[in-house]
């Protein structure tokens, strides 16, 4: 029998197993944008914002679509 105090550890490991690719995509896109994010936080200008969007489109798209990707779990298909 599993000790109940460590139940959260098993749930966390299980969560990482099912969402491994999604978490890796988030980490890599933030890593790609790390310098631009720092520049935007220090000296925000619209030209820097537009440069970031146009120079890193894949990272921006990944970060924008992450909520939809996490909410689209494998739902069973309803059959009539």
Protein backbone atom coordinates (compact mmCIF):
# COMPACT_ATOMS: atom_id res chain seq x y z
CA UNK A 1 0.00 0.00 0.00
CA UNK A 2 1.24 3.48 -0.89
CA UNK A 3 1.85 5.82 1.98
CA UNK A 4 -0.70 8.63 1.70
CA UNK A 5 1.84 11.38 2.39
CA UNK A 6 3.63 10.66 -0.87
CA UNK A 7 0.48 10.63 -3.00
CA UNK A 8 1.26 14.10 -4.35
CA UNK A 9 4.64 12.90 -5.62
CA UNK A 10 3.02 10.14 -7.64
CA UNK A 11 0.44 12.58 -8.99
CA UNK A 12 3.22 15.01 -9.99
CA UNK A 13 5.21 12.27 -11.73
CA UNK A 14 2.08 11.10 -13.50
CA UNK A 15 1.33 14.69 -14.60
CA UNK A 16 4.84 15.06 -16.02
CA UNK A 17 4.56 11.76 -17.87
CA UNK A 18 1.37 12.79 -19.65
CA UNK A 19 2.44 16.39 -20.36
CA UNK A 20 6.16 15.95 -21.03
CA UNK A 21 6.12 17.31 -24.57
CA UNK A 22 4.00 20.31 -23.64
CA UNK A 23 6.28 21.25 -20.75
CA UNK A 24 9.38 20.89 -22.93
CA UNK A 25 7.81 23.17 -25.57
CA UNK A 26 7.10 25.84 -22.96
CA UNK A 27 10.60 25.69 -21.53
CA UNK A 28 12.28 25.83 -24.94
CA UNK A 29 10.14 28.73 -26.15
CA UNK A 30 10.88 30.75 -23.01
CA UNK A 31 14.56 29.90 -23.39
CA UNK A 32 14.43 31.15 -26.98
CA UNK A 33 12.86 34.43 -25.83
CA UNK A 34 15.00 34.94 -22.72
CA UNK A 35 17.07 37.87 -24.02
CA UNK A 36 14.10 39.60 -25.63
CA UNK A 37 12.01 39.18 -22.48
CA UNK A 38 14.80 40.72 -20.42
CA UNK A 39 15.07 43.60 -22.88
CA UNK A 40 11.30 44.14 -22.85
CA UNK A 41 11.20 44.16 -19.05
CA UNK A 42 14.09 46.63 -18.77
CA UNK A 43 13.27 49.00 -21.64
CA UNK A 44 9.86 48.44 -23.14
CA UNK A 45 9.38 49.87 -26.62
CA UNK A 46 6.93 48.89 -29.28
CA UNK A 47 9.77 48.38 -31.75
CA UNK A 48 11.31 45.79 -29.42
CA UNK A 49 7.94 44.11 -29.03
CA UNK A 50 7.44 43.95 -32.80
CA UNK A 51 11.00 42.73 -33.30
CA UNK A 52 10.40 39.92 -30.78
CA UNK A 53 7.17 38.87 -32.46
CA UNK A 54 8.62 38.89 -35.97
CA UNK A 55 11.96 37.26 -35.11
CA UNK A 56 10.57 34.47 -32.91
CA UNK A 57 7.20 33.50 -34.40
CA UNK A 58 7.32 29.84 -33.37
CA UNK A 59 8.05 30.61 -29.72
CA UNK A 60 5.29 33.23 -29.65
CA UNK A 61 2.76 30.84 -31.22
CA UNK A 62 3.67 28.09 -28.76
CA UNK A 63 3.20 30.39 -25.78
CA UNK A 64 -0.11 31.73 -27.11
CA UNK A 65 -1.57 28.28 -27.85
CA UNK A 66 -0.41 26.54 -24.65
CA UNK A 67 -3.71 27.07 -22.75
CA UNK A 68 -5.68 25.48 -25.58
CA UNK A 69 -3.20 22.61 -25.84
CA UNK A 70 -3.41 21.87 -22.09
CA UNK A 71 -7.21 21.99 -22.13
CA UNK A 72 -7.54 19.64 -25.09
CA UNK A 73 -6.98 16.41 -23.22
CA UNK A 74 -7.73 13.12 -24.86
CA UNK A 75 -11.47 13.13 -24.49
CA UNK A 76 -13.32 9.98 -25.39
CA UNK A 77 -15.36 10.11 -28.56
CA UNK A 78 -19.09 9.88 -27.93
CA UNK A 79 -20.70 7.27 -30.08
CA UNK A 80 -24.36 7.18 -30.86
